[in-house]
Amino acid sequence: MGMWVGRGRKARRAYGFDEIALVPGEITINPAEVDTSWEIGNLKFNIPIIAAAMDGVVDVRFAIAMGKLGGLAVLNLEGVQTRYENPDEVLDQISTATPEEATKLVQGLYVQPVKEELIAKRIREIKAAKVPAIVSSIPQKAERYGKIAEDAGADIFIVQSTVTTVQHVSTQYEVLDFGKFCSRMKIPVIVGNTCSYETSLDLMKTGISGLLVGIGPGAACTTRGVLGIGVPQVTATADCAAARDFFYKKTGRYIPIITDGGMNVGGDICKAFASGADAVMVGSAFARAQEAPGRGYHWGMATPHANLPRGTRIFVGTTGTLDQIMYGPAVLDDGSQNLMGALQTSMGNVGARNIREMQMTELIIAPSIKTEGKIFQSAQRVGMGKK
């Protein structure tokens, strides 16, 4: 399988969201009657969309707001929320500064050490609102922070790095043993990121409860540009989903796949589920929310696998409330709002009663779909015609 790229060298063709489309079903379903729920461990959620662990996206207030809507928002345990008693003061300074001033501010933002007492405090603040608390850490801090998070009442713990494997080699620091870590944790553990079939199987054997899929596609991720590493999300999701299904047949344990990154609009999210995802993790769409602590900015050091140099910030703009982004009504025509409405409508049109059936949707390779017949949109600068 693959195409020749030179003498004796083959490369497998991989696909991203822009290159595929979903085929309508032979039956259609009322969007209000489809089931979008998913499960991890013994927990069940009605919304399969998770806000990413980015300082410009999730703070305690945002996590509570997302939780009250029925979704999940991941708090980064190594970001500003656990380094500063009052992180709003720091974020307000950056969001109102000039680009030059902001760069200097962000460069010094993560010099302040993480305060372990703030980890427990932030989790308790989220739990006090009677919503789930989901938090993340890099592997090197997982043992320590995982225990603190669990004791504070966290519901899910994520261990996240640029590229996650079971067999990590280092002589400079102690390598996290995923098997031992998962066996000690009493709450579901999600790990990532990965993008291959073999690595997914290896990780599932360690006792994880969920797997993050995505290396290179995120809006704030420069892995593909800087390191040359990454797999387009449709192929990555399909490969990891195949590992999930094989593992389930062999063991009876179903490990949900969470596609992480590369999705800015409802159509991309729908394609992720059709590629095999059980849930998706999104950053840039929520960074635009009025409730986001970053006021429309991505912070380069906020996500463990962002790989952005210290001081980088990406402005994505604010476009509406969190409720608008999740449930509408949409006031923009670019697909960045009413994400759940888009998913439900897409499921109805392909005839999928639930997420599992959505994963069986027929896919076609359609790289021209975004421009096909869109001349009037371009002329009127609406929808896909916006520049």
Protein backbone atom coordinates (compact mmCIF):
# COMPACT_ATOMS: atom_id res chain seq x y z
CA MET A 1 0.00 0.00 0.00
CA GLY A 2 1.30 3.47 -0.81
CA MET A 3 2.76 5.50 -3.64
CA TRP A 4 6.32 5.69 -4.88
CA VAL A 5 7.99 8.96 -3.82
CA GLY A 6 11.43 7.96 -5.12
CA ARG A 7 13.53 4.93 -5.96
CA GLY A 8 12.88 2.32 -3.31
CA ARG A 9 10.74 4.67 -1.18
CA LYS A 10 6.99 4.53 -0.74
CA ALA A 11 4.68 6.85 1.20
CA ARG A 12 1.16 6.08 2.32
CA ARG A 13 -1.50 8.59 1.24
CA ALA A 14 -3.23 10.19 4.23
CA TYR A 15 -6.28 12.44 4.36
CA GLY A 16 -7.39 15.50 6.30
CA PHE A 17 -10.84 16.99 6.85
CA ASP A 18 -10.71 19.22 3.77
CA GLU A 19 -10.22 16.20 1.51
CA ILE A 20 -13.28 14.13 2.38
CA ALA A 21 -17.06 14.47 2.49
CA LEU A 22 -19.88 12.41 4.01
CA VAL A 23 -22.42 10.59 1.85
CA PRO A 24 -26.10 11.14 2.80
CA GLY A 25 -27.87 8.07 4.15
CA GLU A 26 -30.57 5.97 2.58
CA ILE A 27 -32.77 7.01 5.49
CA THR A 28 -32.86 10.32 7.33
CA ILE A 29 -33.65 11.00 10.97
CA ASN A 30 -35.09 13.95 12.85
CA PRO A 31 -31.95 15.67 14.26
CA ALA A 32 -33.74 16.20 17.58
CA GLU A 33 -34.02 12.42 17.99
CA VAL A 34 -30.38 11.35 17.48
CA ASP A 35 -28.28 10.26 20.46
CA THR A 36 -24.98 12.15 20.75
CA SER A 37 -23.94 10.67 24.11
CA TRP A 38 -20.64 8.91 24.76
CA GLU A 39 -19.09 7.06 27.69
CA ILE A 40 -15.69 6.85 29.36
CA GLY A 41 -15.20 4.52 32.29
CA ASN A 42 -18.47 4.59 34.22
CA LEU A 43 -19.21 8.16 33.16
CA LYS A 44 -21.69 9.17 30.46
CA PHE A 45 -21.93 12.56 28.78
CA ASN A 46 -24.54 13.88 26.36
CA ILE A 47 -22.12 16.20 24.57
CA PRO A 48 -19.15 14.57 22.79
CA ILE A 49 -17.26 17.88 22.41
CA ILE A 50 -14.47 18.72 24.88
CA ALA A 51 -12.76 22.10 25.32
CA ALA A 52 -8.97 21.74 25.09
CA ALA A 53 -6.55 22.36 27.96
CA MET A 54 -5.37 25.77 26.81
CA ASP A 55 -4.89 28.79 29.05
CA GLY A 56 -6.64 31.00 26.51
CA VAL A 57 -9.65 28.66 26.51
CA VAL A 58 -10.32 27.07 29.91
CA ASP A 59 -10.36 28.51 33.40
CA VAL A 60 -12.61 27.60 36.34
CA ARG A 61 -15.50 29.77 35.12
CA PHE A 62 -15.32 28.36 31.61
CA ALA A 63 -15.16 24.77 32.91
CA ILE A 64 -18.27 25.41 35.01
CA ALA A 65 -20.13 27.04 32.11
CA MET A 66 -19.24 24.15 29.80
CA GLY A 67 -20.23 21.63 32.45
CA LYS A 68 -23.63 23.22 32.96
CA LEU A 69 -24.23 22.90 29.21
CA GLY A 70 -23.49 19.19 29.47
CA GLY A 71 -19.96 19.15 28.11
CA LEU A 72 -16.40 18.95 29.43
CA ALA A 73 -13.60 21.50 29.57
CA VAL A 74 -10.05 20.45 30.46
CA LEU A 75 -8.09 22.55 32.94
CA ASN A 76 -4.35 22.62 32.30
CA LEU A 77 -2.60 21.89 35.63
CA GLU A 78 0.61 23.49 34.41
CA GLY A 79 -0.87 26.73 33.13
CA VAL A 80 -1.63 30.12 34.62
CA GLN A 81 -4.58 28.85 36.66
CA THR A 82 -2.25 26.90 38.95
CA ARG A 83 0.64 29.37 38.95
CA TYR A 84 -1.23 32.50 40.02
CA GLU A 85 -3.72 33.00 42.81
CA ASN A 86 -5.49 35.57 40.61
CA PRO A 87 -4.73 34.62 36.99
CA ASP A 88 -7.34 37.07 35.65
CA GLU A 89 -5.02 39.97 36.44
CA VAL A 90 -2.27 38.44 34.30
CA LEU A 91 -4.57 37.51 31.42
CA ASP A 92 -6.23 40.92 31.43
CA GLN A 93 -2.83 42.60 31.10
CA ILE A 94 -1.91 40.43 28.13
CA SER A 95 -5.25 40.68 26.32
CA THR A 96 -5.18 44.48 26.42
CA ALA A 97 -1.47 44.91 25.61
CA THR A 98 0.08 45.67 22.24
CA PRO A 99 1.60 42.68 20.41
CA GLU A 100 5.10 43.78 21.44
CA GLU A 101 4.15 44.26 25.09
CA ALA A 102 2.17 41.02 25.15
CA THR A 103 5.14 39.03 23.86
CA LYS A 104 7.27 40.20 26.80
CA LEU A 105 4.46 39.48 29.25
CA VAL A 106 3.87 35.96 27.96
CA GLN A 107 7.61 35.22 27.95
CA GLY A 108 7.60 35.63 31.71
CA LEU A 109 4.18 34.11 32.30
CA TYR A 110 5.37 30.56 32.99
CA VAL A 111 8.44 31.40 35.06
CA GLN A 112 6.25 31.38 38.16
CA PRO A 113 6.20 27.78 39.50
CA VAL A 114 3.06 25.67 39.77
CA LYS A 115 1.56 25.82 43.26
CA GLU A 116 0.21 22.41 44.23
CA GLU A 117 -2.31 23.92 46.62
CA LEU A 118 -3.84 25.77 43.65
CA ILE A 119 -4.33 22.48 41.80
CA ALA A 120 -6.61 21.21 44.55
CA LYS A 121 -8.27 24.61 44.93
CA ARG A 122 -9.20 24.94 41.24
CA ILE A 123 -10.64 21.42 41.12
CA ARG A 124 -12.72 22.02 44.22
CA GLU A 125 -14.00 25.28 42.75
CA ILE A 126 -15.22 23.40 39.67
CA LYS A 127 -16.75 20.59 41.71
CA ALA A 128 -18.53 23.08 43.99
CA ALA A 129 -20.63 24.03 40.95
CA LYS A 130 -21.72 20.37 40.65
CA VAL A 131 -20.11 19.82 37.26
CA PRO A 132 -17.39 17.34 36.22
CA ALA A 133 -13.75 18.34 36.67
CA ILE A 134 -11.31 17.08 34.04
CA VAL A 135 -7.63 18.10 34.25
CA SER A 136 -4.40 17.44 32.37
CA SER A 137 -0.68 17.15 32.99
CA ILE A 138 2.48 16.15 31.12
CA PRO A 139 3.82 12.62 31.85
CA GLN A 140 6.70 13.86 34.03
CA LYS A 141 4.24 15.43 36.49
CA ALA A 142 1.44 12.87 36.24
CA GLU A 143 2.34 10.79 39.29
CA ARG A 144 2.35 13.79 41.63
CA TYR A 145 -0.47 15.82 40.09
CA GLY A 146 -2.65 12.77 39.50
CA LYS A 147 -2.76 11.98 43.22
CA ILE A 148 -3.53 15.61 44.11
CA ALA A 149 -6.27 15.80 41.46
CA GLU A 150 -7.86 12.55 42.53
CA ASP A 151 -7.89 13.55 46.21
CA ALA A 152 -9.43 16.91 45.28
CA GLY A 153 -12.32 15.20 43.51
CA ALA A 154 -11.35 15.29 39.82
CA ASP A 155 -13.47 13.06 37.59
CA ILE A 156 -11.00 12.42 34.76
CA PHE A 157 -7.21 12.81 34.50
CA ILE A 158 -5.42 13.37 31.19
CA VAL A 159 -1.74 12.65 30.56
CA GLN A 160 -0.78 14.57 27.43
CA SER A 161 2.42 15.14 25.46
CA THR A 162 3.43 15.87 21.87
CA VAL A 163 3.93 12.21 20.98
CA THR A 164 2.93 9.53 23.49
CA THR A 165 4.25 5.97 23.42
CA VAL A 166 4.43 3.16 25.96
CA GLN A 167 8.13 2.61 25.29
CA HIS A 168 9.66 6.02 26.00
CA VAL A 169 13.43 6.04 26.59
CA SER A 170 15.25 8.59 28.75
CA THR A 171 18.27 8.63 31.05
CA GLN A 172 17.60 12.19 32.24
CA TYR A 173 14.29 11.64 34.04
CA GLU A 174 12.07 8.83 35.30
CA VAL A 175 9.72 7.56 32.62
CA LEU A 176 6.04 7.26 33.50
CA ASP A 177 4.82 3.66 33.57
CA PHE A 178 1.31 3.96 32.18
CA GLY A 179 0.28 0.51 33.38
CA LYS A 180 1.23 1.17 37.00
CA PHE A 181 -0.17 4.70 36.87
CA CYS A 182 -3.56 3.61 35.53
CA SER A 183 -3.81 0.77 38.07
CA ARG A 184 -3.19 3.22 40.94
CA MET A 185 -5.61 5.88 39.73
CA LYS A 186 -9.22 5.43 40.81
CA ILE A 187 -10.58 7.74 38.11
CA PRO A 188 -10.50 7.31 34.31
CA VAL A 189 -7.15 8.16 32.69
CA ILE A 190 -6.97 9.51 29.14
CA VAL A 191 -3.57 9.59 27.42
CA GLY A 192 -2.25 11.08 24.21
CA ASN A 193 -1.38 12.17 21.74
CA THR A 194 -0.88 9.48 19.15
CA CYS A 195 -1.84 8.81 15.54
CA SER A 196 -1.00 5.19 14.73
CA TYR A 197 -2.64 1.78 14.99
CA GLU A 198 0.25 -0.02 16.71
CA THR A 199 0.87 2.67 19.34
CA SER A 200 -2.85 2.88 20.08
CA LEU A 201 -2.96 -0.86 20.78
CA ASP A 202 0.12 -0.63 23.02
CA LEU A 203 -1.44 2.20 25.04
CA MET A 204 -4.80 0.44 25.37
CA LYS A 205 -3.07 -2.60 26.88
CA THR A 206 -1.82 -0.44 29.78
CA GLY A 207 -5.34 0.07 31.17
CA ILE A 208 -6.14 3.57 29.90
CA SER A 209 -9.77 4.67 29.68
CA GLY A 210 -9.50 6.96 26.64
CA LEU A 211 -7.08 7.93 23.88
CA LEU A 212 -6.35 11.34 22.36
CA VAL A 213 -5.63 11.25 18.63
CA GLY A 214 -3.87 14.06 16.80
CA ILE A 215 -0.28 15.06 16.09
CA GLY A 216 0.28 18.14 13.97
CA PRO A 217 -3.19 19.44 12.97
CA GLY A 218 -4.08 21.82 15.83
CA ALA A 219 -4.42 25.57 15.29
CA ALA A 220 -1.78 26.26 17.96
CA CYS A 221 0.37 23.23 17.13
CA THR A 222 3.53 23.69 15.07
CA THR A 223 4.73 20.07 15.26
CA ARG A 224 4.35 19.42 11.55
CA GLY A 225 6.04 22.66 10.56
CA VAL A 226 8.88 22.59 13.10
CA LEU A 227 9.55 18.85 13.47
CA GLY A 228 8.05 17.54 10.22
CA ILE A 229 5.90 15.13 12.24
CA GLY A 230 2.18 14.58 11.93
CA VAL A 231 -0.62 12.63 10.26
CA PRO A 232 -3.77 14.26 8.81
CA GLN A 233 -6.69 13.75 11.17
CA VAL A 234 -9.03 11.62 9.06
CA THR A 235 -6.39 8.96 8.52
CA ALA A 236 -5.09 9.22 12.10
CA THR A 237 -8.59 8.85 13.54
CA ALA A 238 -9.48 5.93 11.28
CA ASP A 239 -6.24 4.08 12.13
CA CYS A 240 -6.67 4.54 15.89
CA ALA A 241 -10.36 3.65 15.70
CA ALA A 242 -9.41 0.40 13.97
CA ALA A 243 -7.12 -0.36 16.92
CA ARG A 244 -9.99 0.44 19.32
CA ASP A 245 -12.33 -1.96 17.53
CA PHE A 246 -9.72 -4.73 17.39
CA PHE A 247 -8.92 -4.28 21.08
CA TYR A 248 -12.64 -4.44 21.94
CA LYS A 249 -13.10 -7.69 20.02
CA LYS A 250 -10.07 -9.21 21.78
CA THR A 251 -10.76 -8.01 25.33
CA GLY A 252 -14.35 -6.76 25.60
CA ARG A 253 -13.02 -3.36 26.76
CA TYR A 254 -14.11 -0.38 24.66
CA ILE A 255 -11.60 2.49 24.79
CA PRO A 256 -13.11 5.70 23.32
CA ILE A 257 -11.11 7.62 20.73
CA ILE A 258 -11.01 11.41 21.12
CA THR A 259 -9.90 13.29 18.01
CA ASP A 260 -7.88 16.27 19.20
CA GLY A 261 -7.18 19.28 16.97
CA GLY A 262 -7.70 20.46 13.42
CA MET A 263 -11.43 21.19 13.79
CA ASN A 264 -12.60 24.78 13.51
CA VAL A 265 -16.15 24.37 12.23
CA GLY A 266 -19.08 22.01 12.61
CA GLY A 267 -18.34 20.20 9.36
CA ASP A 268 -14.88 19.18 10.55
CA ILE A 269 -16.33 17.85 13.80
CA CYS A 270 -18.91 15.79 11.90
CA LYS A 271 -16.16 14.33 9.70
CA ALA A 272 -14.13 13.40 12.79
CA PHE A 273 -17.01 11.28 14.09
CA ALA A 274 -17.56 9.73 10.67
CA SER A 275 -13.84 8.84 10.64
CA GLY A 276 -14.27 6.86 13.85
CA ALA A 277 -14.12 9.27 16.81
CA ASP A 278 -16.22 8.80 19.95
CA ALA A 279 -15.62 12.40 21.04
CA VAL A 280 -13.60 15.41 19.88
CA MET A 281 -11.38 17.93 21.63
CA VAL A 282 -11.54 21.48 20.28
CA GLY A 283 -9.53 24.60 21.09
CA SER A 284 -9.82 27.46 18.60
CA ALA A 285 -13.63 27.34 18.38
CA PHE A 286 -13.88 27.90 22.14
CA ALA A 287 -11.08 30.44 22.27
CA ARG A 288 -13.53 32.69 20.42
CA ALA A 289 -16.12 32.48 23.18
CA GLN A 290 -16.81 35.60 25.22
CA GLU A 291 -16.39 33.46 28.36
CA ALA A 292 -12.88 32.31 27.36
CA PRO A 293 -10.21 33.70 29.73
CA GLY A 294 -7.88 34.54 26.85
CA ARG A 295 -10.34 37.01 25.27
CA GLY A 296 -9.85 35.51 21.82
CA TYR A 297 -6.21 34.47 22.13
CA HIS A 298 -4.44 31.12 22.00
CA TRP A 299 -1.52 31.00 24.44
CA GLY A 300 1.45 29.16 22.97
CA MET A 301 2.62 27.52 26.19
CA ALA A 302 -0.84 26.53 27.36
CA THR A 303 -1.07 23.08 25.82
CA PRO A 304 1.58 20.42 26.49
CA HIS A 305 1.80 19.48 22.80
CA ALA A 306 1.51 22.97 21.30
CA ASN A 307 5.27 23.27 20.63
CA LEU A 308 5.03 27.03 20.24
CA PRO A 309 7.96 29.13 21.44
CA ARG A 310 7.49 30.88 24.75
CA GLY A 311 5.84 34.21 24.04
CA THR A 312 3.79 33.15 21.02
CA ARG A 313 0.14 34.17 20.96
CA ILE A 314 -2.41 33.71 18.20
CA PHE A 315 -5.44 35.99 18.05
CA VAL A 316 -8.56 34.26 16.82
CA GLY A 317 -11.12 36.89 17.85
CA THR A 318 -14.29 36.61 19.91
CA THR A 319 -17.44 35.68 18.02
CA GLY A 320 -20.17 34.92 20.54
CA THR A 321 -21.15 33.29 23.81
CA LEU A 322 -20.31 29.70 24.70
CA ASP A 323 -23.99 28.82 24.48
CA GLN A 324 -24.11 30.31 20.98
CA ILE A 325 -21.05 28.35 19.88
CA MET A 326 -22.48 25.12 21.26
CA TYR A 327 -26.21 25.43 20.57
CA GLY A 328 -26.80 28.57 18.50
CA PRO A 329 -28.63 30.38 17.17
CA ALA A 330 -25.71 31.06 14.86
CA VAL A 331 -25.16 34.64 13.82
CA LEU A 332 -22.20 33.70 11.60
CA ASP A 333 -22.43 31.62 8.43
CA ASP A 334 -18.98 30.02 8.56
CA GLY A 335 -19.87 26.95 10.66
CA SER A 336 -18.11 28.14 13.82
CA GLN A 337 -21.32 28.34 15.86
CA ASN A 338 -24.09 25.89 16.83
CA LEU A 339 -21.65 22.99 16.79
CA MET A 340 -24.06 20.57 18.43
CA GLY A 341 -26.79 21.56 16.01
CA ALA A 342 -24.42 20.83 13.13
CA LEU A 343 -23.55 17.41 14.54
CA GLN A 344 -27.18 16.46 15.14
CA THR A 345 -28.24 17.64 11.68
CA SER A 346 -25.38 15.79 10.01
CA MET A 347 -26.23 12.62 11.92
CA GLY A 348 -29.84 12.96 10.85
CA ASN A 349 -28.91 13.42 7.20
CA VAL A 350 -26.61 10.39 7.08
CA GLY A 351 -29.16 8.30 8.98
CA ALA A 352 -27.08 7.78 12.12
CA ARG A 353 -29.12 7.22 15.29
CA ASN A 354 -26.07 7.44 17.54
CA ILE A 355 -22.32 8.08 17.49
CA ARG A 356 -21.52 4.44 16.78
CA GLU A 357 -23.68 4.53 13.65
CA MET A 358 -22.12 7.88 12.69
CA GLN A 359 -18.75 6.10 12.68
CA MET A 360 -20.09 3.82 9.94
CA THR A 361 -20.96 6.71 7.60
CA GLU A 362 -19.74 6.32 4.02
CA LEU A 363 -16.82 8.63 3.23
CA ILE A 364 -15.76 9.90 -0.16
CA ILE A 365 -12.57 11.63 -1.22
CA ALA A 366 -13.70 15.09 -2.29
CA PRO A 367 -10.86 17.65 -2.18
CA SER A 368 -12.83 20.12 -4.32
CA ILE A 369 -15.92 20.15 -2.12
CA LYS A 370 -15.08 23.50 -0.51
CA THR A 371 -14.85 25.35 -3.82
CA GLU A 372 -17.22 23.33 -6.01
CA GLY A 373 -20.04 25.58 -7.19
CA LYS A 374 -19.18 28.29 -4.68
CA ILE A 375 -18.62 31.17 -7.13
CA PHE A 376 -21.56 33.16 -5.77
CA GLN A 377 -20.38 32.73 -2.19
CA SER A 378 -17.04 34.15 -3.25
CA ALA A 379 -18.66 37.07 -5.02
CA GLN A 380 -20.86 37.88 -2.04
CA ARG A 381 -18.15 37.10 0.55
CA VAL A 382 -20.41 34.83 2.60
CA GLY A 383 -19.91 31.30 3.94
CA MET A 384 -16.98 29.61 2.22
CA GLY A 385 -16.43 32.69 0.09
CA LYS A 386 -15.02 34.74 2.96
CA LYS A 387 -11.34 35.58 2.82
